[in-house]
């Protein structure tokens, strides 16, 4: 299906909001959804829509929001939704602030630490939810979209997708995926011991909104991941490394979780795996009409980061700072 038209967005809006809509602006983020900001006489409204012919997280956003808000997770208020529309949608309040990744260089060490401690606390609240029967990214307990029998199956599925994307784009050597698999092989007994425990997988440098140096709230919680919570810390670490920034934030987060040396090494491995996933995203269009022109400097930097992760994994260092150098 083509992207929604303005009439589709306004039709969804009118079912839940009767005031005037002055303008519609599409956000330039998101890999699977069409996300718009609608300016009204009151507060802005966010409209999130998806192609009904493809898997989408709109139902999961409604489902998990109902379970997370009572735990004190700072999500935007749900104004309305329709999961059976041609473009399934949800309308949400527009939380103020910008993604952590947009403001990270301007944050002070104390601000980074405060935000990291808050995210660590939110993840602890989420961990109080029941375990699932499956692993991976679930849109609900009852009707998972892509259940996996083991945590290793989740990781392997991610590597398989990355390999397909890397081959499609033709920018990086797909052999990097085999090297990552070999690096992960010694951890297979550990992966087998991981329970299907819940954690928010995408509270990284995106979806964490910051206003005036403080946490404003979380957005785009469409699925819950069940498995090893260290994975989200590693994804955040890789996001910072991909931008060439310091990793102080993940160090503060790791301290809040009181990670052992063994857990730190596992997090380093997950960082490498996410590095491979990042390579797979380069040169892809996803939900855009065409892929952006490849930033050669960024691609070269990512390649260097992933190669550095490979080398440093062999050294078995325990500190995040080791990976940032």
Protein backbone atom coordinates (compact mmCIF):
# COMPACT_ATOMS: atom_id res chain seq x y z
CA UNK A 1 0.00 0.00 0.00
CA UNK A 2 1.15 3.59 -0.62
CA UNK A 3 1.73 5.97 2.27
CA UNK A 4 -1.43 7.41 3.86
CA UNK A 5 -2.86 10.56 2.32
CA UNK A 6 -3.82 13.66 4.27
CA UNK A 7 -7.45 12.58 3.96
CA UNK A 8 -6.65 9.26 5.70
CA UNK A 9 -4.99 11.08 8.57
CA UNK A 10 -7.81 13.59 8.94
CA UNK A 11 -10.44 10.83 8.80
CA UNK A 12 -8.73 9.08 11.72
CA UNK A 13 -8.40 12.34 13.61
CA UNK A 14 -12.06 13.32 13.20
CA UNK A 15 -13.24 10.12 14.85
CA UNK A 16 -11.62 11.17 18.14
CA UNK A 17 -11.07 14.93 17.95
CA UNK A 18 -13.60 17.55 16.84
CA UNK A 19 -11.46 20.67 16.81
CA UNK A 20 -9.63 22.16 13.82
CA UNK A 21 -6.44 20.68 12.41
CA UNK A 22 -4.10 23.43 11.22
CA UNK A 23 -1.21 21.43 9.80
CA UNK A 24 0.11 17.90 9.36
CA UNK A 25 3.83 17.10 9.51
CA UNK A 26 5.37 13.68 9.04
CA UNK A 27 8.22 12.72 11.32
CA UNK A 28 11.32 11.61 9.45
CA UNK A 29 11.94 8.69 11.81
CA UNK A 30 10.54 5.19 12.02
CA UNK A 31 11.25 2.04 10.04
CA UNK A 32 7.77 0.49 9.95
CA UNK A 33 5.18 3.15 10.71
CA UNK A 34 3.94 6.42 9.30
CA UNK A 35 4.02 8.95 12.12
CA UNK A 36 2.53 12.45 11.91
CA UNK A 37 2.17 15.47 14.14
CA UNK A 38 -1.12 17.33 13.80
CA UNK A 39 -1.24 20.88 15.10
CA UNK A 40 -4.56 21.83 16.67
CA UNK A 41 -5.99 24.69 18.74
CA UNK A 42 -4.91 22.69 21.77
CA UNK A 43 -1.97 20.41 22.27
CA UNK A 44 -0.45 18.68 19.23
CA UNK A 45 -1.67 15.16 18.47
CA UNK A 46 0.50 12.33 17.17
CA UNK A 47 -1.07 10.00 14.61
CA UNK A 48 0.70 6.69 14.11
CA UNK A 49 -0.45 4.60 11.15
CA UNK A 50 0.65 1.39 9.47
CA UNK A 51 0.05 -0.62 6.33
CA UNK A 52 -2.62 -3.22 7.15
CA UNK A 53 -1.05 -5.64 4.66
CA UNK A 54 2.17 -5.80 6.69
CA UNK A 55 2.99 -6.68 10.28
CA UNK A 56 2.69 -3.60 12.42
CA UNK A 57 2.98 -2.72 16.07
CA UNK A 58 -0.16 -0.60 16.38
CA UNK A 59 -2.13 -3.35 18.21
CA UNK A 60 0.86 -3.97 20.44
CA UNK A 61 1.16 -0.27 21.21
CA UNK A 62 -2.40 -0.26 22.52
CA UNK A 63 -1.99 -3.56 24.38
CA UNK A 64 1.30 -2.82 26.14
CA UNK A 65 0.38 0.78 26.86
CA UNK A 66 -2.56 -0.45 28.93
CA UNK A 67 -0.20 -2.62 30.96
CA UNK A 68 2.72 -0.24 31.33
CA UNK A 69 1.01 3.00 32.30
CA UNK A 70 -0.27 1.54 35.63
CA UNK A 71 3.36 0.63 36.43
CA UNK A 72 4.36 4.28 36.19
CA UNK A 73 6.05 4.00 32.81
CA UNK A 74 5.83 7.56 31.36
CA UNK A 75 4.02 6.89 28.07
CA UNK A 76 1.87 9.41 26.20
CA UNK A 77 -1.88 9.30 26.79
CA UNK A 78 -3.83 7.22 24.25
CA UNK A 79 -6.53 9.40 22.69
CA UNK A 80 -8.06 6.83 20.35
CA UNK A 81 -7.34 3.95 18.01
CA UNK A 82 -8.79 1.72 15.30
CA UNK A 83 -7.05 -1.57 14.59
CA UNK A 84 -9.44 -2.52 11.77
CA UNK A 85 -9.02 0.63 9.65
CA UNK A 86 -7.39 0.39 6.20
CA UNK A 87 -4.41 2.01 7.89
CA UNK A 88 -4.55 0.80 11.52
CA UNK A 89 -3.80 3.76 13.75
CA UNK A 90 -3.48 5.16 17.20
CA UNK A 91 -3.77 8.79 18.31
CA UNK A 92 -1.55 9.92 21.16
CA UNK A 93 -0.72 13.05 23.05
CA UNK A 94 2.45 14.74 21.86
CA UNK A 95 5.00 14.56 24.64
CA UNK A 96 7.41 17.51 24.70
CA UNK A 97 11.09 16.98 24.10
CA UNK A 98 13.48 15.47 21.59
CA UNK A 99 15.05 12.03 21.25
CA UNK A 100 18.00 11.40 23.54
CA UNK A 101 20.17 10.97 20.45
CA UNK A 102 19.32 14.48 19.29
CA UNK A 103 20.52 16.14 22.49
CA UNK A 104 23.09 13.70 23.89
CA UNK A 105 26.22 15.82 23.15
CA UNK A 106 24.69 18.76 25.01
CA UNK A 107 23.93 16.84 28.21
CA UNK A 108 26.11 17.20 31.27
CA UNK A 109 27.51 14.10 33.02
CA UNK A 110 25.02 14.57 35.87
CA UNK A 111 22.11 14.81 33.44
CA UNK A 112 23.23 11.64 31.64
CA UNK A 113 23.50 9.84 34.97
CA UNK A 114 20.06 10.96 36.14
CA UNK A 115 18.40 9.87 32.91
CA UNK A 116 20.26 6.55 32.92
CA UNK A 117 19.11 5.85 36.48
CA UNK A 118 15.52 6.66 35.52
CA UNK A 119 15.62 4.30 32.54
CA UNK A 120 17.17 1.58 34.67
CA UNK A 121 14.33 2.05 37.18
CA UNK A 122 11.68 1.93 34.44
CA UNK A 123 13.18 -1.31 33.14
CA UNK A 124 13.04 -2.71 36.68
CA UNK A 125 9.32 -1.90 36.84
CA UNK A 126 8.76 -3.60 33.50
CA UNK A 127 10.60 -6.67 34.78
CA UNK A 128 7.77 -7.13 37.31
CA UNK A 129 5.45 -8.20 34.49
CA UNK A 130 5.00 -11.97 34.00
CA UNK A 131 7.39 -13.95 31.86
CA UNK A 132 6.10 -15.08 28.48
CA UNK A 133 5.81 -18.54 26.94
CA UNK A 134 7.97 -17.40 24.02
CA UNK A 135 11.04 -15.29 23.38
CA UNK A 136 11.49 -12.24 21.22
CA UNK A 137 9.39 -9.24 20.27
CA UNK A 138 5.79 -9.91 21.26
CA UNK A 139 2.78 -7.72 20.54
CA UNK A 140 0.91 -9.40 23.42
CA UNK A 141 1.04 -12.40 25.70
CA UNK A 142 -1.89 -14.02 23.90
CA UNK A 143 -1.12 -13.39 20.22
CA UNK A 144 2.59 -13.03 19.59
CA UNK A 145 3.50 -12.03 16.05
CA UNK A 146 6.87 -13.74 15.78
CA UNK A 147 7.43 -16.08 18.74
CA UNK A 148 10.75 -17.88 19.14
CA UNK A 149 11.36 -21.01 21.22
CA UNK A 150 14.71 -19.81 22.60
CA UNK A 151 16.71 -16.63 23.10
CA UNK A 152 19.35 -17.95 20.73
CA UNK A 153 16.67 -18.22 18.03
CA UNK A 154 15.93 -14.50 18.49
CA UNK A 155 19.58 -13.59 18.04
CA UNK A 156 20.00 -15.86 15.04
CA UNK A 157 16.89 -14.44 13.42
CA UNK A 158 18.35 -10.97 13.78
CA UNK A 159 21.62 -12.05 12.19
CA UNK A 160 19.79 -13.76 9.35
CA UNK A 161 17.78 -10.61 8.62
CA UNK A 162 20.94 -8.50 8.78
CA UNK A 163 22.71 -10.84 6.37
CA UNK A 164 19.84 -10.59 3.88
CA UNK A 165 19.85 -6.81 4.11
CA UNK A 166 23.62 -6.58 3.77
CA UNK A 167 23.51 -8.76 0.65
CA UNK A 168 20.67 -6.69 -0.80
CA UNK A 169 22.46 -3.37 -0.32
CA UNK A 170 25.85 -4.66 -1.43
CA UNK A 171 27.77 -2.14 0.68
CA UNK A 172 29.43 -4.42 3.24
CA UNK A 173 30.96 -7.88 3.01
CA UNK A 174 28.35 -10.36 4.32
CA UNK A 175 31.19 -12.45 5.77
CA UNK A 176 30.96 -10.14 8.79
CA UNK A 177 27.80 -12.01 9.78
CA UNK A 178 29.59 -15.36 9.87
CA UNK A 179 32.33 -13.83 11.98
CA UNK A 180 29.72 -12.54 14.43
CA UNK A 181 28.17 -16.00 14.63
CA UNK A 182 31.57 -17.50 15.44
CA UNK A 183 32.10 -14.86 18.14
CA UNK A 184 28.72 -15.71 19.70
CA UNK A 185 29.15 -19.50 19.61
CA UNK A 186 30.88 -19.78 23.04
CA UNK A 187 27.88 -18.06 24.64
CA UNK A 188 25.33 -20.65 23.53
CA UNK A 189 25.13 -22.36 26.96
CA UNK A 190 24.46 -18.94 28.49
CA UNK A 191 21.78 -18.14 25.90
CA UNK A 192 20.07 -21.42 26.79
CA UNK A 193 19.84 -20.29 30.44
CA UNK A 194 18.13 -16.95 29.68
CA UNK A 195 14.47 -16.89 30.80
CA UNK A 196 11.75 -15.15 28.71
CA UNK A 197 11.74 -12.07 30.95
CA UNK A 198 10.21 -8.76 29.76
CA UNK A 199 12.17 -5.62 28.95
CA UNK A 200 11.71 -2.53 26.78
CA UNK A 201 13.99 -3.20 23.84
CA UNK A 202 14.00 0.23 22.18
CA UNK A 203 14.59 2.70 25.02
CA UNK A 204 17.91 3.65 23.49
CA UNK A 205 19.01 6.96 21.94
CA UNK A 206 15.59 7.14 20.32
CA UNK A 207 12.12 6.89 21.85
CA UNK A 208 13.51 8.42 25.06
CA UNK A 209 12.35 12.04 25.00
CA UNK A 210 14.42 14.69 26.77
CA UNK A 211 13.25 18.20 27.64
CA UNK A 212 15.66 20.72 29.16
CA UNK A 213 18.08 17.96 30.10
CA UNK A 214 15.47 15.81 31.86
CA UNK A 215 13.40 12.77 30.93
CA UNK A 216 10.02 13.74 29.45
CA UNK A 217 8.70 10.28 28.60
CA UNK A 218 8.92 7.23 26.34
CA UNK A 219 7.28 6.70 22.96
CA UNK A 220 6.77 3.96 20.37
CA UNK A 221 6.43 1.01 22.73
CA UNK A 222 4.75 -1.33 20.25
CA UNK A 223 6.24 -4.62 21.38
CA UNK A 224 7.75 -6.07 24.50
CA UNK A 225 10.93 -8.08 24.15
CA UNK A 226 11.29 -11.24 26.23
CA UNK A 227 14.77 -12.51 26.89
CA UNK A 228 18.00 -10.95 28.13
CA UNK A 229 17.63 -7.35 29.28
CA UNK A 230 21.35 -6.78 28.64
CA UNK A 231 20.41 -6.59 24.97
CA UNK A 232 18.84 -3.13 25.28
CA UNK A 233 21.90 -1.81 27.07
CA UNK A 234 24.05 -3.14 24.23
CA UNK A 235 21.79 -1.58 21.59
CA UNK A 236 22.13 1.77 23.35
CA UNK A 237 25.87 1.29 23.50
CA UNK A 238 26.04 0.56 19.76
CA UNK A 239 23.85 3.58 18.99
CA UNK A 240 26.32 5.83 20.84
CA UNK A 241 29.34 4.20 19.20
CA UNK A 242 27.76 4.61 15.76
CA UNK A 243 27.65 8.36 16.33
CA UNK A 244 31.19 8.54 17.69
CA UNK A 245 29.98 9.69 21.10
CA UNK A 246 31.11 8.81 24.61
CA UNK A 247 29.46 5.85 26.32
CA UNK A 248 29.13 7.46 29.77
CA UNK A 249 25.37 6.98 29.67
CA UNK A 250 25.56 3.20 29.35
CA UNK A 251 28.24 3.09 32.03
CA UNK A 252 25.86 4.84 34.44
CA UNK A 253 23.10 2.44 33.40
CA UNK A 254 25.35 -0.58 33.92
CA UNK A 255 26.31 0.71 37.36
CA UNK A 256 22.63 1.04 38.27
CA UNK A 257 22.11 -2.59 37.31
CA UNK A 258 25.31 -3.59 39.19
CA UNK A 259 26.53 -5.72 36.31
CA UNK A 260 29.20 -8.33 36.92
CA UNK A 261 32.29 -8.69 34.74
CA UNK A 262 30.65 -11.66 33.01
CA UNK A 263 27.52 -9.62 32.28
CA UNK A 264 29.66 -6.80 30.92
CA UNK A 265 31.36 -9.19 28.50
CA UNK A 266 27.97 -10.51 27.41
CA UNK A 267 26.83 -6.94 26.82
CA UNK A 268 29.91 -6.38 24.68
CA UNK A 269 28.95 -9.40 22.57
CA UNK A 270 25.42 -8.06 22.12
CA UNK A 271 26.94 -4.72 21.11
CA UNK A 272 28.81 -6.53 18.33
CA UNK A 273 25.63 -8.26 17.15
CA UNK A 274 23.80 -4.95 17.06
CA UNK A 275 26.71 -3.52 15.11
CA UNK A 276 26.00 -6.11 12.43
CA UNK A 277 22.32 -5.15 12.49
CA UNK A 278 23.33 -1.52 11.99
CA UNK A 279 25.33 -2.51 8.92
CA UNK A 280 22.20 -4.14 7.54
CA UNK A 281 20.21 -0.92 7.82
CA UNK A 282 22.59 1.07 5.61
CA UNK A 283 21.22 1.60 2.12
CA UNK A 284 17.68 0.40 2.87
CA UNK A 285 14.43 2.21 2.08
CA UNK A 286 12.24 0.47 4.71
CA UNK A 287 8.95 2.46 4.77
CA UNK A 288 10.26 5.26 2.54
CA UNK A 289 9.72 5.39 -1.20
CA UNK A 290 13.44 5.06 -1.83
CA UNK A 291 16.59 4.65 0.20
CA UNK A 292 18.62 7.66 1.21
CA UNK A 293 21.91 8.21 -0.57
CA UNK A 294 24.52 6.24 1.36
CA UNK A 295 26.73 8.41 3.55
CA UNK A 296 30.12 6.93 2.70
CA UNK A 297 31.78 8.45 5.76
CA UNK A 298 29.12 6.97 8.06
CA UNK A 299 29.37 3.57 6.36
CA UNK A 300 33.15 3.61 6.78
CA UNK A 301 32.77 4.59 10.44
CA UNK A 302 30.30 1.77 11.09
CA UNK A 303 32.63 -0.72 9.45
CA UNK A 304 35.48 0.51 11.64
CA UNK A 305 33.36 0.31 14.78
CA UNK A 306 32.25 -3.27 14.07
CA UNK A 307 35.80 -4.36 13.24
CA UNK A 308 36.95 -2.73 16.47
CA UNK A 309 34.28 -4.60 18.41
CA UNK A 310 35.52 -7.86 16.89
CA UNK A 311 39.07 -7.10 17.98
CA UNK A 312 38.18 -5.90 21.46
CA UNK A 313 35.91 -8.90 22.07
CA UNK A 314 39.01 -11.07 21.69
CA UNK A 315 40.71 -9.02 24.40
CA UNK A 316 37.85 -9.76 26.83
CA UNK A 317 37.78 -6.25 28.25
CA UNK A 318 35.13 -5.48 30.84
CA UNK A 319 34.69 -1.71 30.42
CA UNK A 320 32.51 0.15 27.97
CA UNK A 321 35.26 2.71 27.65
CA UNK A 322 37.41 -0.01 26.09
CA UNK A 323 34.91 -0.24 23.24
CA UNK A 324 34.64 3.51 22.76
CA UNK A 325 38.37 3.83 22.00
